[in-house]
Structures are given as C-alpha cells and as structure tokens.
C-alpha cells in the first residue's frame, strides 16, 4: 500500500511553490495515497514539546528491513538511490513531477530532518539501501495532531508487507511515544486498495473532496482519513 507523501512531495510548500507537488506518498504495490492539507496545522511548538529522542524507541527491524530516523549523512544515498530516476508510478500516485535536481531534494531533506514538527523515518532493505520513508509531519503539539505520509520508492520492494509494517510502526509511535490525539492522511479515489489498507490499520474515512485531483484525463476524489487515540487504543486491545 502507498500513502501520498515523500520528501519531494513537500518541496512545493517549503521551496516557495517551486515544484509541482503536494504532500503524498506510497507503500507496497496496492498503491496507498494520502495527501495532507496544504496549510500548516497550527503551532509547531508548545510547552509540551522537547526534542529529545534518547528515551524513545526510534529503530525497528523486521525480516532484515530497518526503520530508523533519517540523519544528515543519509542525504546523498537518499537522493541517488531513489531519485535517479524517480519511479514513474511513484510520481503519478504522489502527483509530483518525474525529475528533481539534487539541490531540490537534498536542500529539503536537510531542512526536514532539523524541523521540530516532524519525525522523518527511513526504510532500509537488508543491504542498507534506502527504499522508502515514513513521516509524521505538520505536528501541532498543542492540539496533539499531525499528518502522516509514507512511500516505498522501488517496485521490487512492494508486496512484501514492508509498507503495512511501516504504517503500523509509525501509527504506534505517534500515539504511544508522541502521545498524539489525531493522525490524518488523504488517499485518492483511484486507489481503492490503498484506502482498504488504511482502514485495516484503523484509519476511518472522514470526508471526500470531490473532483479535487486530475489523473489520466479524468477528475478523481481526494478521500480524507484519520485515526484518533481512542481508536488506536481499542485497536490494540482487540
């Protein structure tokens, strides 16, 4: 499954509308697509927040794959392993352009990992190659609310359950360690398998932006989904 949102997807808002992107992402072969709303959710910092990851679990492993926080030393690998070239289907499902310069991607990457309203996780294969990302961003620490996006960049790494695992890990991190109240995303109507995957992860459909996107010569809807902390607790209890 794929959720709208990779680092390039956010370049439009952070690089002064320089790129034709909206925040979206992907994971697995039934492409899940979500896109956060264009505006910032709210205040980035509050008295509740102190960026100290030492007490948090921020690395997970499964079947040789690893999820961990991105770091500055990853910047070149991130660009060369995923944007040279960017998979055309990733570009289509995230609504972004197919080609980015190294400067566009790396400047955003370095800015993103320093932001206090974001947790930027990379997904690595057993060889250490970066194959995807899972991001909790636009965190409003006062409202305890955030956006979520995920992407698996390479077709060969989809349909392995890695994306589903990354969604569950990120979801649990959001509620268990960040103590958020709400985690939200968007998924396009031409991605029904993605919507089903999010539903399995506990997200609920909240609304539809009709004819909000354009794909293959036709309008499509943008479906709004979210999971609340009470939904998550019930899911973990079942």
C-alpha atoms as a PDB file:
ATOM      1  CA  UNK A   1       0.000   0.000   0.000  1.00  0.00           C
ATOM      2  CA  UNK A   2       1.128   3.503  -0.624  1.00  0.00           C
ATOM      3  CA  UNK A   3       0.371   6.751   1.111  1.00  0.00           C
ATOM      4  CA  UNK A   4       0.855  10.072  -0.526  1.00  0.00           C
ATOM      5  CA  UNK A   5       3.969  11.690   0.748  1.00  0.00           C
ATOM      6  CA  UNK A   6       7.670  11.615   0.105  1.00  0.00           C
ATOM      7  CA  UNK A   7      10.257  14.292   0.813  1.00  0.00           C
ATOM      8  CA  UNK A   8       9.936  15.639  -2.704  1.00  0.00           C
ATOM      9  CA  UNK A   9       6.196  15.960  -2.214  1.00  0.00           C
ATOM     10  CA  UNK A  10       6.738  18.683   0.369  1.00  0.00           C
ATOM     11  CA  UNK A  11       9.069  20.776  -1.746  1.00  0.00           C
ATOM     12  CA  UNK A  12       6.181  22.751  -3.194  1.00  0.00           C
ATOM     13  CA  UNK A  13       5.221  24.311   0.116  1.00  0.00           C
ATOM     14  CA  UNK A  14       8.726  24.591   1.538  1.00  0.00           C
ATOM     15  CA  UNK A  15      10.541  25.837  -1.564  1.00  0.00           C
ATOM     16  CA  UNK A  16       8.096  28.681  -2.248  1.00  0.00           C
ATOM     17  CA  UNK A  17       5.885  26.686  -4.586  1.00  0.00           C
ATOM     18  CA  UNK A  18       8.912  25.841  -6.726  1.00  0.00           C
ATOM     19  CA  UNK A  19       7.820  22.309  -7.544  1.00  0.00           C
ATOM     20  CA  UNK A  20       4.545  20.826  -8.752  1.00  0.00           C
ATOM     21  CA  UNK A  21       3.965  18.665  -5.687  1.00  0.00           C
ATOM     22  CA  UNK A  22       1.585  18.136  -2.862  1.00  0.00           C
ATOM     23  CA  UNK A  23       2.464  16.078   0.170  1.00  0.00           C
ATOM     24  CA  UNK A  24       1.807  12.473  -0.722  1.00  0.00           C
ATOM     25  CA  UNK A  25       3.438   9.046  -0.611  1.00  0.00           C
ATOM     26  CA  UNK A  26       3.317   5.350  -1.359  1.00  0.00           C
ATOM     27  CA  UNK A  27       3.904   1.992   0.136  1.00  0.00           C
ATOM     28  CA  UNK A  28       3.611  -1.530  -1.389  1.00  0.00           C
ATOM     29  CA  UNK A  29       2.000  -2.490  -4.652  1.00  0.00           C
ATOM     30  CA  UNK A  30      -1.628  -1.618  -3.954  1.00  0.00           C
ATOM     31  CA  UNK A  31      -0.707   1.984  -4.000  1.00  0.00           C
ATOM     32  CA  UNK A  32      -1.912   3.867  -0.973  1.00  0.00           C
ATOM     33  CA  UNK A  33      -2.123   7.522  -1.433  1.00  0.00           C
ATOM     34  CA  UNK A  34      -2.615  10.226   1.132  1.00  0.00           C
ATOM     35  CA  UNK A  35      -2.106  13.916   0.965  1.00  0.00           C
ATOM     36  CA  UNK A  36      -2.132  16.321   3.866  1.00  0.00           C
ATOM     37  CA  UNK A  37      -3.930  19.584   3.522  1.00  0.00           C
ATOM     38  CA  UNK A  38      -1.840  22.375   2.052  1.00  0.00           C
ATOM     39  CA  UNK A  39      -1.936  24.657   5.085  1.00  0.00           C
ATOM     40  CA  UNK A  40       0.034  24.198   8.259  1.00  0.00           C
ATOM     41  CA  UNK A  41      -1.994  22.635  11.036  1.00  0.00           C
ATOM     42  CA  UNK A  42      -1.005  25.129  13.670  1.00  0.00           C
ATOM     43  CA  UNK A  43       1.720  25.996  16.143  1.00  0.00           C
ATOM     44  CA  UNK A  44       4.849  23.927  15.864  1.00  0.00           C
ATOM     45  CA  UNK A  45       5.992  24.132  19.475  1.00  0.00           C
ATOM     46  CA  UNK A  46       4.460  24.244  22.911  1.00  0.00           C
ATOM     47  CA  UNK A  47       5.455  23.663  26.494  1.00  0.00           C
ATOM     48  CA  UNK A  48       4.536  20.006  25.907  1.00  0.00           C
ATOM     49  CA  UNK A  49       7.369  19.546  23.465  1.00  0.00           C
ATOM     50  CA  UNK A  50      11.057  18.953  23.923  1.00  0.00           C
ATOM     51  CA  UNK A  51      13.018  17.295  21.129  1.00  0.00           C
ATOM     52  CA  UNK A  52      14.830  14.566  22.998  1.00  0.00           C
ATOM     53  CA  UNK A  53      14.748  11.163  21.350  1.00  0.00           C
ATOM     54  CA  UNK A  54      17.011   9.448  23.858  1.00  0.00           C
ATOM     55  CA  UNK A  55      14.087   7.980  25.774  1.00  0.00           C
ATOM     56  CA  UNK A  56      12.225   6.891  22.633  1.00  0.00           C
ATOM     57  CA  UNK A  57      12.362   3.766  20.552  1.00  0.00           C
ATOM     58  CA  UNK A  58      13.158   5.043  17.063  1.00  0.00           C
ATOM     59  CA  UNK A  59      14.552   1.947  15.353  1.00  0.00           C
ATOM     60  CA  UNK A  60      12.663  -1.181  14.354  1.00  0.00           C
ATOM     61  CA  UNK A  61      13.629  -4.290  12.393  1.00  0.00           C
ATOM     62  CA  UNK A  62      11.708  -6.994  10.579  1.00  0.00           C
ATOM     63  CA  UNK A  63      12.968  -9.708   8.228  1.00  0.00           C
ATOM     64  CA  UNK A  64      16.206  -7.794   7.709  1.00  0.00           C
ATOM     65  CA  UNK A  65      14.458  -4.488   6.927  1.00  0.00           C
ATOM     66  CA  UNK A  66      15.008  -1.500   9.213  1.00  0.00           C
ATOM     67  CA  UNK A  67      13.042   1.621  10.042  1.00  0.00           C
ATOM     68  CA  UNK A  68      15.033   4.405  11.692  1.00  0.00           C
ATOM     69  CA  UNK A  69      15.227   8.173  11.915  1.00  0.00           C
ATOM     70  CA  UNK A  70      16.833   9.935   8.963  1.00  0.00           C
ATOM     71  CA  UNK A  71      20.135  11.713   9.570  1.00  0.00           C
ATOM     72  CA  UNK A  72      22.201  14.233   7.639  1.00  0.00           C
ATOM     73  CA  UNK A  73      24.694  11.617   6.468  1.00  0.00           C
ATOM     74  CA  UNK A  74      21.845   9.873   4.576  1.00  0.00           C
ATOM     75  CA  UNK A  75      21.300  12.792   2.213  1.00  0.00           C
ATOM     76  CA  UNK A  76      23.342  11.576  -0.762  1.00  0.00           C
ATOM     77  CA  UNK A  77      22.090   7.999  -0.560  1.00  0.00           C
ATOM     78  CA  UNK A  78      18.535   9.261  -0.272  1.00  0.00           C
ATOM     79  CA  UNK A  79      18.861  11.217  -3.499  1.00  0.00           C
ATOM     80  CA  UNK A  80      20.924   8.809  -5.593  1.00  0.00           C
ATOM     81  CA  UNK A  81      19.094   5.645  -4.501  1.00  0.00           C
ATOM     82  CA  UNK A  82      15.575   6.992  -5.042  1.00  0.00           C
ATOM     83  CA  UNK A  83      15.543   9.989  -7.390  1.00  0.00           C
ATOM     84  CA  UNK A  84      17.930   8.840 -10.122  1.00  0.00           C
ATOM     85  CA  UNK A  85      15.426   8.344 -11.583  1.00  0.00           C
ATOM     86  CA  UNK A  86      12.236   8.624  -9.556  1.00  0.00           C
ATOM     87  CA  UNK A  87       9.871   5.735 -10.367  1.00  0.00           C
ATOM     88  CA  UNK A  88       7.172   6.974 -12.762  1.00  0.00           C
ATOM     89  CA  UNK A  89       4.388   5.305 -10.808  1.00  0.00           C
ATOM     90  CA  UNK A  90       5.552   7.000  -7.632  1.00  0.00           C
ATOM     91  CA  UNK A  91       5.400  10.320  -9.453  1.00  0.00           C
ATOM     92  CA  UNK A  92       1.919   9.578 -10.775  1.00  0.00           C
ATOM     93  CA  UNK A  93       0.459   8.467  -7.473  1.00  0.00           C
ATOM     94  CA  UNK A  94       2.002  11.290  -5.499  1.00  0.00           C
ATOM     95  CA  UNK A  95       1.114  13.922  -8.067  1.00  0.00           C
ATOM     96  CA  UNK A  96       4.673  15.158  -8.362  1.00  0.00           C
ATOM     97  CA  UNK A  97       6.935  15.763 -11.334  1.00  0.00           C
ATOM     98  CA  UNK A  98       9.216  12.960 -12.504  1.00  0.00           C
ATOM     99  CA  UNK A  99      12.549  14.757 -12.299  1.00  0.00           C
ATOM    100  CA  UNK A 100      14.226  16.678  -9.485  1.00  0.00           C
ATOM    101  CA  UNK A 101      17.662  18.203  -9.198  1.00  0.00           C
ATOM    102  CA  UNK A 102      19.980  17.083  -6.455  1.00  0.00           C
ATOM    103  CA  UNK A 103      19.760  20.550  -4.939  1.00  0.00           C
ATOM    104  CA  UNK A 104      15.968  20.419  -4.763  1.00  0.00           C
ATOM    105  CA  UNK A 105      15.922  17.111  -2.923  1.00  0.00           C
ATOM    106  CA  UNK A 106      18.959  17.491  -0.689  1.00  0.00           C
ATOM    107  CA  UNK A 107      18.169  21.021   0.475  1.00  0.00           C
ATOM    108  CA  UNK A 108      14.708  19.940   1.530  1.00  0.00           C
ATOM    109  CA  UNK A 109      15.979  16.736   3.134  1.00  0.00           C
ATOM    110  CA  UNK A 110      18.443  18.599   5.348  1.00  0.00           C
ATOM    111  CA  UNK A 111      15.816  21.152   6.313  1.00  0.00           C
ATOM    112  CA  UNK A 112      13.242  18.459   7.033  1.00  0.00           C
ATOM    113  CA  UNK A 113      15.365  16.450   9.455  1.00  0.00           C
ATOM    114  CA  UNK A 114      16.005  19.566  11.534  1.00  0.00           C
ATOM    115  CA  UNK A 115      12.355  20.574  11.904  1.00  0.00           C
ATOM    116  CA  UNK A 116      10.725  20.141  15.289  1.00  0.00           C
ATOM    117  CA  UNK A 117       7.254  19.407  13.909  1.00  0.00           C
ATOM    118  CA  UNK A 118       8.352  16.258  12.068  1.00  0.00           C
ATOM    119  CA  UNK A 119       9.634  12.719  12.621  1.00  0.00           C
ATOM    120  CA  UNK A 120      11.260  11.539   9.421  1.00  0.00           C
ATOM    121  CA  UNK A 121      11.905   7.788   9.291  1.00  0.00           C
ATOM    122  CA  UNK A 122      13.741   5.960   6.529  1.00  0.00           C
ATOM    123  CA  UNK A 123      13.032   2.370   5.473  1.00  0.00           C
ATOM    124  CA  UNK A 124      16.161   0.356   4.622  1.00  0.00           C
ATOM    125  CA  UNK A 125      16.446  -3.042   2.965  1.00  0.00           C
ATOM    126  CA  UNK A 126      18.715  -5.810   4.349  1.00  0.00           C
ATOM    127  CA  UNK A 127      21.698  -4.374   2.422  1.00  0.00           C
ATOM    128  CA  UNK A 128      21.247  -0.930   3.958  1.00  0.00           C
ATOM    129  CA  UNK A 129      19.795   0.669   0.828  1.00  0.00           C
ATOM    130  CA  UNK A 130      17.150   3.326   1.434  1.00  0.00           C
ATOM    131  CA  UNK A 131      13.953   2.077  -0.205  1.00  0.00           C
ATOM    132  CA  UNK A 132      11.290   4.228   1.407  1.00  0.00           C
ATOM    133  CA  UNK A 133      10.224   6.664   4.067  1.00  0.00           C
ATOM    134  CA  UNK A 134       7.540   7.031   6.698  1.00  0.00           C
ATOM    135  CA  UNK A 135       6.901  10.516   8.018  1.00  0.00           C
ATOM    136  CA  UNK A 136       4.847  12.084  10.777  1.00  0.00           C
ATOM    137  CA  UNK A 137       4.809  15.789   9.958  1.00  0.00           C
ATOM    138  CA  UNK A 138       2.959  19.058  10.483  1.00  0.00           C
ATOM    139  CA  UNK A 139       2.747  18.204  14.174  1.00  0.00           C
ATOM    140  CA  UNK A 140       0.699  20.606  16.265  1.00  0.00           C
ATOM    141  CA  UNK A 141       1.924  19.935  19.781  1.00  0.00           C
ATOM    142  CA  UNK A 142      -0.895  21.907  21.411  1.00  0.00           C
ATOM    143  CA  UNK A 143      -3.693  20.102  19.563  1.00  0.00           C
ATOM    144  CA  UNK A 144      -1.683  16.839  19.558  1.00  0.00           C
ATOM    145  CA  UNK A 145      -2.483  16.440  15.886  1.00  0.00           C
ATOM    146  CA  UNK A 146      -0.312  15.508  12.891  1.00  0.00           C
ATOM    147  CA  UNK A 147      -0.231  14.400   9.293  1.00  0.00           C
ATOM    148  CA  UNK A 148       1.153  11.076   8.097  1.00  0.00           C
ATOM    149  CA  UNK A 149       2.738  10.055   4.804  1.00  0.00           C
ATOM    150  CA  UNK A 150       4.668   7.042   3.555  1.00  0.00           C
ATOM    151  CA  UNK A 151       6.433   5.951   0.374  1.00  0.00           C
ATOM    152  CA  UNK A 152       8.117   2.843  -0.967  1.00  0.00           C
ATOM    153  CA  UNK A 153      10.166   4.068  -3.922  1.00  0.00           C
ATOM    154  CA  UNK A 154      11.022   0.820  -5.695  1.00  0.00           C
ATOM    155  CA  UNK A 155       8.509  -1.584  -7.290  1.00  0.00           C
ATOM    156  CA  UNK A 156      10.614  -4.612  -6.372  1.00  0.00           C
ATOM    157  CA  UNK A 157      10.206  -3.820  -2.680  1.00  0.00           C
ATOM    158  CA  UNK A 158       6.415  -3.641  -2.758  1.00  0.00           C
ATOM    159  CA  UNK A 159       4.035  -6.503  -1.968  1.00  0.00           C
ATOM    160  CA  UNK A 160       6.350  -7.673   0.811  1.00  0.00           C
ATOM    161  CA  UNK A 161       4.323  -6.261   3.675  1.00  0.00           C
ATOM    162  CA  UNK A 162       7.039  -3.722   4.466  1.00  0.00           C
ATOM    163  CA  UNK A 163       4.733  -0.783   3.838  1.00  0.00           C
ATOM    164  CA  UNK A 164       1.993  -2.187   6.051  1.00  0.00           C
ATOM    165  CA  UNK A 165       4.547  -2.801   8.777  1.00  0.00           C
ATOM    166  CA  UNK A 166       5.877   0.762   8.449  1.00  0.00           C
ATOM    167  CA  UNK A 167       2.368   2.201   8.726  1.00  0.00           C
ATOM    168  CA  UNK A 168       1.724   0.225  11.909  1.00  0.00           C
ATOM    169  CA  UNK A 169       5.084   1.188  13.406  1.00  0.00           C
ATOM    170  CA  UNK A 170       4.556   4.876  12.634  1.00  0.00           C
ATOM    171  CA  UNK A 171       0.970   4.818  13.868  1.00  0.00           C
ATOM    172  CA  UNK A 172       2.017   3.224  17.153  1.00  0.00           C
ATOM    173  CA  UNK A 173       4.909   5.665  17.533  1.00  0.00           C
ATOM    174  CA  UNK A 174       2.542   8.594  17.032  1.00  0.00           C
ATOM    175  CA  UNK A 175       0.196   7.549  19.813  1.00  0.00           C
ATOM    176  CA  UNK A 176       2.413   5.600  22.192  1.00  0.00           C
ATOM    177  CA  UNK A 177       5.524   7.791  22.176  1.00  0.00           C
ATOM    178  CA  UNK A 178       4.448  11.187  20.855  1.00  0.00           C
ATOM    179  CA  UNK A 179       1.111  10.981  22.695  1.00  0.00           C
ATOM    180  CA  UNK A 180      -0.802  12.449  19.776  1.00  0.00           C
ATOM    181  CA  UNK A 181      -4.569  12.602  19.735  1.00  0.00           C
ATOM    182  CA  UNK A 182      -5.114  12.524  15.970  1.00  0.00           C
ATOM    183  CA  UNK A 183      -3.201  11.261  12.929  1.00  0.00           C
ATOM    184  CA  UNK A 184      -4.582  12.104   9.493  1.00  0.00           C
ATOM    185  CA  UNK A 185      -3.941  11.450   5.808  1.00  0.00           C
ATOM    186  CA  UNK A 186      -5.547  11.600   2.365  1.00  0.00           C
ATOM    187  CA  UNK A 187      -5.994   8.866  -0.238  1.00  0.00           C
ATOM    188  CA  UNK A 188      -7.124   9.236  -3.830  1.00  0.00           C
ATOM    189  CA  UNK A 189     -10.295   7.579  -5.050  1.00  0.00           C
ATOM    190  CA  UNK A 190      -8.403   5.812  -7.853  1.00  0.00           C
ATOM    191  CA  UNK A 191      -6.531   3.966  -5.127  1.00  0.00           C
ATOM    192  CA  UNK A 192      -9.223   1.763  -3.538  1.00  0.00           C
ATOM    193  CA  UNK A 193      -6.758  -0.884  -2.382  1.00  0.00           C
ATOM    194  CA  UNK A 194      -4.823   1.814  -0.544  1.00  0.00           C
ATOM    195  CA  UNK A 195      -7.945   3.005   1.234  1.00  0.00           C
ATOM    196  CA  UNK A 196      -8.701  -0.560   2.300  1.00  0.00           C
ATOM    197  CA  UNK A 197      -5.192  -0.927   3.691  1.00  0.00           C
ATOM    198  CA  UNK A 198      -5.591   2.232   5.763  1.00  0.00           C
ATOM    199  CA  UNK A 199      -8.921   1.000   7.025  1.00  0.00           C
ATOM    200  CA  UNK A 200      -7.210  -2.193   8.177  1.00  0.00           C
ATOM    201  CA  UNK A 201      -4.689  -0.061  10.047  1.00  0.00           C
ATOM    202  CA  UNK A 202      -7.517   1.659  11.921  1.00  0.00           C
ATOM    203  CA  UNK A 203      -7.944   4.849   9.904  1.00  0.00           C
ATOM    204  CA  UNK A 204     -11.512   5.953   9.250  1.00  0.00           C
ATOM    205  CA  UNK A 205     -12.964   7.827   6.309  1.00  0.00           C
ATOM    206  CA  UNK A 206     -13.991  11.319   7.379  1.00  0.00           C
ATOM    207  CA  UNK A 207     -14.889  13.080   4.155  1.00  0.00           C
ATOM    208  CA  UNK A 208     -14.384  13.448   0.423  1.00  0.00           C
ATOM    209  CA  UNK A 209     -13.065  16.353  -1.607  1.00  0.00           C
ATOM    210  CA  UNK A 210     -14.916  15.719  -4.853  1.00  0.00           C
ATOM    211  CA  UNK A 211     -13.042  16.117  -8.151  1.00  0.00           C
ATOM    212  CA  UNK A 212     -10.067  17.512  -6.259  1.00  0.00           C
ATOM    213  CA  UNK A 213      -7.378  15.777  -8.337  1.00  0.00           C
ATOM    214  CA  UNK A 214      -6.787  15.025 -12.002  1.00  0.00           C
ATOM    215  CA  UNK A 215      -5.377  11.736 -13.279  1.00  0.00           C
ATOM    216  CA  UNK A 216      -5.185  10.218 -16.770  1.00  0.00           C
ATOM    217  CA  UNK A 217      -7.542  12.786 -18.213  1.00  0.00           C
ATOM    218  CA  UNK A 218     -10.223  12.396 -15.555  1.00  0.00           C
ATOM    219  CA  UNK A 219     -11.124  14.044 -12.275  1.00  0.00           C
ATOM    220  CA  UNK A 220     -10.880  11.979  -9.097  1.00  0.00           C
ATOM    221  CA  UNK A 221     -11.756  12.483  -5.449  1.00  0.00           C
ATOM    222  CA  UNK A 222      -9.462  13.051  -2.510  1.00  0.00           C
ATOM    223  CA  UNK A 223     -10.569  10.991   0.490  1.00  0.00           C
ATOM    224  CA  UNK A 224      -9.811  12.296   3.975  1.00  0.00           C
ATOM    225  CA  UNK A 225      -8.979   9.721   6.648  1.00  0.00           C
ATOM    226  CA  UNK A 226      -7.792   9.808  10.254  1.00  0.00           C
ATOM    227  CA  UNK A 227      -7.306   7.725  13.369  1.00  0.00           C
ATOM    228  CA  UNK A 228      -7.797   9.044  16.905  1.00  0.00           C
ATOM    229  CA  UNK A 229      -6.044   7.901  20.053  1.00  0.00           C
ATOM    230  CA  UNK A 230      -9.196   6.159  21.311  1.00  0.00           C
ATOM    231  CA  UNK A 231      -9.466   4.288  18.004  1.00  0.00           C
ATOM    232  CA  UNK A 232      -5.851   3.223  18.386  1.00  0.00           C
ATOM    233  CA  UNK A 233      -6.306   2.040  21.980  1.00  0.00           C
ATOM    234  CA  UNK A 234      -9.305  -0.045  21.007  1.00  0.00           C
ATOM    235  CA  UNK A 235      -7.366  -1.490  18.075  1.00  0.00           C
ATOM    236  CA  UNK A 236      -4.505  -2.508  20.348  1.00  0.00           C
ATOM    237  CA  UNK A 237      -6.882  -4.057  22.869  1.00  0.00           C
ATOM    238  CA  UNK A 238      -8.692  -6.232  20.304  1.00  0.00           C
END
